[in-house]
Amino acid sequence: MSLNIQRNDQVEVISGADRGKRGRVLRVIPETNRILVEHVRVVKKNVRPNPQRNIKGGIAEQEAPVHISNVLLVCPSCGPTRIGHKFEGDTKVRLVAGGEDQEQEEIAVSC
């Protein structure tokens, strides 16, 4: 399944405990329809010390995956928006999904 959100996109969380937070997509997990967003859903993880890798033990914080339905892509010009698609030749282009009165604009991959 093709996902609308790609790595390094700017997204905003629309539901859950972290509602309203914005961050950059670090990783996309298409098998489970989840993404890792920078500084969103931070959990504490117990880490065992490993002298071979110079890892100090203790409690570390890391991002946990968020379901893709709980985030919206942030367009630089119009803010959080849904995404539509259009084929231009052989390439699939992501567009801002708006009403008929709203001008559709391409979303750059590096939003």
N, C-alpha and C. Protein backbone atom coordinates (compact mmCIF):
# COMPACT_ATOMS: atom_id res chain seq x y z
N MET A 1 0.84 -1.18 0.00
CA MET A 1 0.00 0.00 0.00
C MET A 1 0.88 1.25 0.00
N SER A 2 0.53 2.20 -0.83
CA SER A 2 1.28 3.44 -0.92
C SER A 2 0.78 4.40 0.16
N LEU A 3 1.72 4.99 0.89
CA LEU A 3 1.36 5.92 1.95
C LEU A 3 1.50 7.35 1.45
N ASN A 4 0.67 8.25 1.99
CA ASN A 4 0.69 9.64 1.57
C ASN A 4 1.83 10.43 2.18
N ILE A 5 2.39 9.93 3.26
CA ILE A 5 3.41 10.67 4.00
C ILE A 5 4.75 9.99 3.77
N GLN A 6 5.77 10.80 3.53
CA GLN A 6 7.09 10.28 3.25
C GLN A 6 8.08 10.77 4.30
N ARG A 7 9.25 10.19 4.27
CA ARG A 7 10.31 10.57 5.20
C ARG A 7 10.69 12.04 5.00
N ASN A 8 10.98 12.72 6.10
CA ASN A 8 11.37 14.14 6.14
C ASN A 8 10.21 15.10 5.87
N ASP A 9 8.97 14.62 5.76
CA ASP A 9 7.81 15.51 5.66
C ASP A 9 7.55 16.15 7.03
N GLN A 10 6.97 17.33 7.01
CA GLN A 10 6.55 17.99 8.25
C GLN A 10 5.09 17.61 8.49
N VAL A 11 4.77 17.07 9.67
CA VAL A 11 3.41 16.63 9.98
C VAL A 11 2.95 17.22 11.30
N GLU A 12 1.62 17.23 11.50
CA GLU A 12 1.03 17.67 12.76
C GLU A 12 0.12 16.57 13.27
N VAL A 13 0.21 16.28 14.57
CA VAL A 13 -0.62 15.25 15.20
C VAL A 13 -2.02 15.84 15.42
N ILE A 14 -3.06 15.11 14.99
CA ILE A 14 -4.43 15.63 15.09
C ILE A 14 -5.25 14.94 16.17
N SER A 15 -4.75 13.85 16.75
CA SER A 15 -5.49 13.20 17.83
C SER A 15 -4.53 12.49 18.76
N GLY A 16 -4.98 12.26 19.97
CA GLY A 16 -4.15 11.58 20.96
C GLY A 16 -3.57 12.55 21.97
N ALA A 17 -2.70 12.03 22.80
CA ALA A 17 -2.12 12.83 23.89
C ALA A 17 -1.22 13.94 23.36
N ASP A 18 -0.61 13.75 22.19
CA ASP A 18 0.30 14.73 21.62
C ASP A 18 -0.37 15.61 20.57
N ARG A 19 -1.68 15.79 20.67
CA ARG A 19 -2.43 16.58 19.69
C ARG A 19 -1.85 17.99 19.58
N GLY A 20 -1.65 18.45 18.34
CA GLY A 20 -1.15 19.79 18.10
C GLY A 20 0.35 19.88 17.92
N LYS A 21 1.08 18.83 18.26
CA LYS A 21 2.53 18.87 18.11
C LYS A 21 2.90 18.68 16.64
N ARG A 22 3.95 19.38 16.22
CA ARG A 22 4.45 19.24 14.86
C ARG A 22 5.86 18.67 14.92
N GLY A 23 6.20 17.91 13.88
CA GLY A 23 7.53 17.33 13.83
C GLY A 23 7.84 16.78 12.46
N ARG A 24 9.08 16.38 12.29
CA ARG A 24 9.56 15.82 11.03
C ARG A 24 9.45 14.30 11.10
N VAL A 25 9.06 13.67 9.99
CA VAL A 25 8.94 12.22 9.93
C VAL A 25 10.34 11.62 9.85
N LEU A 26 10.66 10.77 10.83
CA LEU A 26 11.97 10.13 10.87
C LEU A 26 11.98 8.82 10.11
N ARG A 27 10.88 8.08 10.19
CA ARG A 27 10.82 6.75 9.59
C ARG A 27 9.38 6.41 9.26
N VAL A 28 9.16 5.72 8.15
CA VAL A 28 7.83 5.26 7.75
C VAL A 28 7.83 3.74 7.82
N ILE A 29 6.80 3.18 8.47
CA ILE A 29 6.67 1.72 8.61
C ILE A 29 5.40 1.31 7.88
N PRO A 30 5.47 1.01 6.58
CA PRO A 30 4.24 0.75 5.80
C PRO A 30 3.54 -0.55 6.18
N GLU A 31 4.24 -1.53 6.76
CA GLU A 31 3.60 -2.80 7.11
C GLU A 31 2.52 -2.61 8.16
N THR A 32 2.73 -1.65 9.08
CA THR A 32 1.77 -1.42 10.16
C THR A 32 1.07 -0.07 10.06
N ASN A 33 1.29 0.67 8.95
CA ASN A 33 0.70 2.00 8.73
C ASN A 33 1.06 2.96 9.86
N ARG A 34 2.31 2.96 10.26
CA ARG A 34 2.77 3.83 11.34
C ARG A 34 3.99 4.62 10.90
N ILE A 35 4.23 5.74 11.61
CA ILE A 35 5.39 6.57 11.33
C ILE A 35 6.04 6.99 12.65
N LEU A 36 7.32 7.30 12.59
CA LEU A 36 8.03 7.87 13.73
C LEU A 36 8.16 9.36 13.47
N VAL A 37 7.70 10.18 14.41
CA VAL A 37 7.75 11.62 14.27
C VAL A 37 8.67 12.17 15.35
N GLU A 38 9.53 13.09 14.95
CA GLU A 38 10.52 13.67 15.85
C GLU A 38 9.84 14.42 17.00
N HIS A 39 10.20 14.10 18.24
CA HIS A 39 9.70 14.74 19.47
C HIS A 39 8.20 14.53 19.70
N VAL A 40 7.63 13.47 19.15
CA VAL A 40 6.21 13.15 19.36
C VAL A 40 6.14 11.73 19.92
N ARG A 41 5.29 11.54 20.91
CA ARG A 41 5.09 10.25 21.60
C ARG A 41 6.42 9.70 22.11
N VAL A 42 7.08 10.48 22.91
CA VAL A 42 8.37 10.09 23.49
C VAL A 42 8.10 9.19 24.69
N VAL A 43 8.73 8.02 24.68
CA VAL A 43 8.57 7.05 25.77
C VAL A 43 9.93 6.78 26.39
N LYS A 44 9.91 6.29 27.63
CA LYS A 44 11.15 5.94 28.32
C LYS A 44 11.41 4.46 28.12
N LYS A 45 12.68 4.14 27.87
CA LYS A 45 13.06 2.75 27.63
C LYS A 45 14.24 2.40 28.52
N ASN A 46 14.16 1.25 29.19
CA ASN A 46 15.28 0.79 30.02
C ASN A 46 16.34 0.18 29.12
N VAL A 47 17.58 0.67 29.25
CA VAL A 47 18.67 0.22 28.41
C VAL A 47 19.70 -0.48 29.28
N ARG A 48 20.09 -1.68 28.86
CA ARG A 48 21.12 -2.43 29.59
C ARG A 48 22.49 -1.96 29.14
N PRO A 49 23.45 -1.91 30.05
CA PRO A 49 24.79 -1.51 29.66
C PRO A 49 25.44 -2.57 28.77
N ASN A 50 26.20 -2.10 27.79
CA ASN A 50 26.92 -2.99 26.89
C ASN A 50 28.33 -2.43 26.71
N PRO A 51 29.31 -2.96 27.42
CA PRO A 51 30.66 -2.42 27.35
C PRO A 51 31.29 -2.55 25.96
N GLN A 52 30.91 -3.57 25.18
CA GLN A 52 31.49 -3.75 23.85
C GLN A 52 31.13 -2.60 22.92
N ARG A 53 29.93 -2.08 23.05
CA ARG A 53 29.48 -0.98 22.18
C ARG A 53 29.56 0.38 22.87
N ASN A 54 30.14 0.42 24.05
CA ASN A 54 30.24 1.65 24.84
C ASN A 54 28.87 2.26 25.13
N ILE A 55 27.88 1.41 25.41
CA ILE A 55 26.54 1.88 25.76
C ILE A 55 26.42 1.87 27.27
N LYS A 56 26.09 3.03 27.81
CA LYS A 56 25.90 3.16 29.24
C LYS A 56 24.44 2.80 29.55
N GLY A 57 24.22 2.04 30.58
CA GLY A 57 22.87 1.64 30.95
C GLY A 57 22.10 2.77 31.60
N GLY A 58 20.79 2.60 31.71
CA GLY A 58 19.95 3.60 32.36
C GLY A 58 18.61 3.70 31.67
N ILE A 59 17.99 4.85 31.81
CA ILE A 59 16.69 5.09 31.20
C ILE A 59 16.87 6.08 30.05
N ALA A 60 16.54 5.64 28.85
CA ALA A 60 16.68 6.48 27.66
C ALA A 60 15.30 6.84 27.14
N GLU A 61 15.20 8.00 26.48
CA GLU A 61 13.94 8.41 25.86
C GLU A 61 14.05 8.24 24.36
N GLN A 62 12.98 7.73 23.75
CA GLN A 62 12.95 7.57 22.31
C GLN A 62 11.53 7.72 21.80
N GLU A 63 11.39 8.00 20.50
CA GLU A 63 10.07 8.17 19.90
C GLU A 63 9.44 6.81 19.65
N ALA A 64 8.13 6.72 19.87
CA ALA A 64 7.37 5.52 19.57
C ALA A 64 6.53 5.79 18.32
N PRO A 65 6.17 4.74 17.56
CA PRO A 65 5.40 4.95 16.33
C PRO A 65 4.00 5.51 16.59
N VAL A 66 3.53 6.32 15.65
CA VAL A 66 2.19 6.91 15.68
C VAL A 66 1.46 6.40 14.44
N HIS A 67 0.17 6.07 14.58
CA HIS A 67 -0.58 5.61 13.42
C HIS A 67 -0.74 6.75 12.41
N ILE A 68 -0.68 6.39 11.14
CA ILE A 68 -0.66 7.39 10.08
C ILE A 68 -1.98 8.16 9.99
N SER A 69 -3.07 7.59 10.51
CA SER A 69 -4.36 8.28 10.48
C SER A 69 -4.44 9.39 11.52
N ASN A 70 -3.49 9.45 12.44
CA ASN A 70 -3.51 10.45 13.49
C ASN A 70 -2.66 11.68 13.17
N VAL A 71 -2.15 11.77 11.94
CA VAL A 71 -1.34 12.92 11.55
C VAL A 71 -1.82 13.49 10.22
N LEU A 72 -1.54 14.78 10.02
CA LEU A 72 -1.81 15.45 8.74
C LEU A 72 -0.52 16.09 8.27
N LEU A 73 -0.33 16.07 6.96
CA LEU A 73 0.83 16.73 6.37
C LEU A 73 0.67 18.24 6.49
N VAL A 74 1.76 18.95 6.78
CA VAL A 74 1.72 20.39 6.91
C VAL A 74 2.28 21.00 5.63
N CYS A 75 1.43 21.72 4.92
CA CYS A 75 1.84 22.44 3.71
C CYS A 75 2.48 23.76 4.16
N PRO A 76 3.61 24.16 3.58
CA PRO A 76 4.27 25.39 4.03
C PRO A 76 3.41 26.64 3.84
N SER A 77 2.53 26.65 2.83
CA SER A 77 1.75 27.86 2.56
C SER A 77 0.38 27.86 3.22
N CYS A 78 -0.26 26.68 3.40
CA CYS A 78 -1.63 26.68 3.91
C CYS A 78 -1.82 25.89 5.19
N GLY A 79 -0.76 25.34 5.79
CA GLY A 79 -0.88 24.64 7.06
C GLY A 79 -1.27 23.18 6.91
N PRO A 80 -1.81 22.56 7.97
CA PRO A 80 -2.18 21.14 7.91
C PRO A 80 -3.25 20.89 6.87
N THR A 81 -3.04 19.88 6.04
CA THR A 81 -3.97 19.61 4.95
C THR A 81 -3.99 18.13 4.60
N ARG A 82 -5.09 17.73 3.98
CA ARG A 82 -5.16 16.38 3.44
C ARG A 82 -4.43 16.34 2.11
N ILE A 83 -4.18 15.13 1.61
CA ILE A 83 -3.36 14.98 0.41
C ILE A 83 -4.16 14.30 -0.68
N GLY A 84 -4.04 14.81 -1.90
CA GLY A 84 -4.61 14.18 -3.08
C GLY A 84 -3.48 13.82 -4.03
N HIS A 85 -3.81 13.07 -5.08
CA HIS A 85 -2.80 12.66 -6.04
C HIS A 85 -3.26 12.98 -7.45
N LYS A 86 -2.28 13.19 -8.33
CA LYS A 86 -2.55 13.41 -9.75
C LYS A 86 -1.39 12.82 -10.53
N PHE A 87 -1.70 12.24 -11.68
CA PHE A 87 -0.65 11.71 -12.53
C PHE A 87 -0.27 12.76 -13.56
N GLU A 88 1.02 13.07 -13.62
CA GLU A 88 1.54 13.95 -14.65
C GLU A 88 2.49 13.11 -15.48
N GLY A 89 2.01 12.65 -16.62
CA GLY A 89 2.80 11.72 -17.42
C GLY A 89 2.84 10.38 -16.72
N ASP A 90 4.04 9.94 -16.40
CA ASP A 90 4.21 8.67 -15.70
C ASP A 90 4.48 8.84 -14.21
N THR A 91 4.54 10.08 -13.73
CA THR A 91 4.85 10.31 -12.32
C THR A 91 3.61 10.68 -11.54
N LYS A 92 3.56 10.22 -10.30
CA LYS A 92 2.46 10.51 -9.39
C LYS A 92 2.86 11.69 -8.52
N VAL A 93 2.04 12.74 -8.50
CA VAL A 93 2.35 13.97 -7.79
C VAL A 93 1.38 14.15 -6.64
N ARG A 94 1.90 14.54 -5.47
CA ARG A 94 1.04 14.82 -4.32
C ARG A 94 0.54 16.25 -4.41
N LEU A 95 -0.76 16.44 -4.15
CA LEU A 95 -1.39 17.75 -4.20
C LEU A 95 -2.11 18.04 -2.89
N VAL A 96 -2.32 19.34 -2.62
CA VAL A 96 -3.15 19.74 -1.50
C VAL A 96 -4.58 19.40 -1.89
N ALA A 97 -5.27 18.61 -1.06
CA ALA A 97 -6.64 18.22 -1.35
C ALA A 97 -7.56 19.29 -0.79
N GLY A 98 -8.13 20.08 -1.66
CA GLY A 98 -9.02 21.15 -1.23
C GLY A 98 -10.31 21.10 -2.01
N GLY A 99 -11.18 22.05 -1.74
CA GLY A 99 -12.43 22.13 -2.47
C GLY A 99 -12.21 22.67 -3.87
N GLU A 100 -13.30 22.83 -4.61
CA GLU A 100 -13.18 23.32 -5.98
C GLU A 100 -12.75 24.78 -6.01
N ASP A 101 -13.11 25.55 -4.97
CA ASP A 101 -12.74 26.95 -4.95
C ASP A 101 -11.27 27.16 -4.58
N GLN A 102 -10.66 26.14 -3.98
CA GLN A 102 -9.27 26.27 -3.55
C GLN A 102 -8.35 25.80 -4.66
N GLU A 103 -7.34 26.59 -4.98
CA GLU A 103 -6.38 26.24 -6.01
C GLU A 103 -5.51 25.09 -5.51
N GLN A 104 -5.38 24.03 -6.32
CA GLN A 104 -4.55 22.90 -5.92
C GLN A 104 -3.10 23.23 -6.22
N GLU A 105 -2.23 22.94 -5.27
CA GLU A 105 -0.81 23.20 -5.47
C GLU A 105 -0.04 21.94 -5.13
N GLU A 106 1.10 21.79 -5.79
CA GLU A 106 1.94 20.63 -5.56
C GLU A 106 2.63 20.76 -4.21
N ILE A 107 2.79 19.63 -3.55
CA ILE A 107 3.53 19.60 -2.29
C ILE A 107 4.91 19.07 -2.61
N ALA A 108 5.92 19.86 -2.31
CA ALA A 108 7.28 19.42 -2.56
C ALA A 108 7.62 18.28 -1.61
N VAL A 109 8.46 17.38 -2.07
CA VAL A 109 8.83 16.23 -1.26
C VAL A 109 9.59 16.70 -0.02
N SER A 110 10.28 17.83 -0.09
CA SER A 110 11.08 18.29 1.03
C SER A 110 10.33 19.30 1.89
N CYS A 111 9.01 19.18 2.02
CA CYS A 111 8.21 20.12 2.82
C CYS A 111 8.77 20.27 4.19
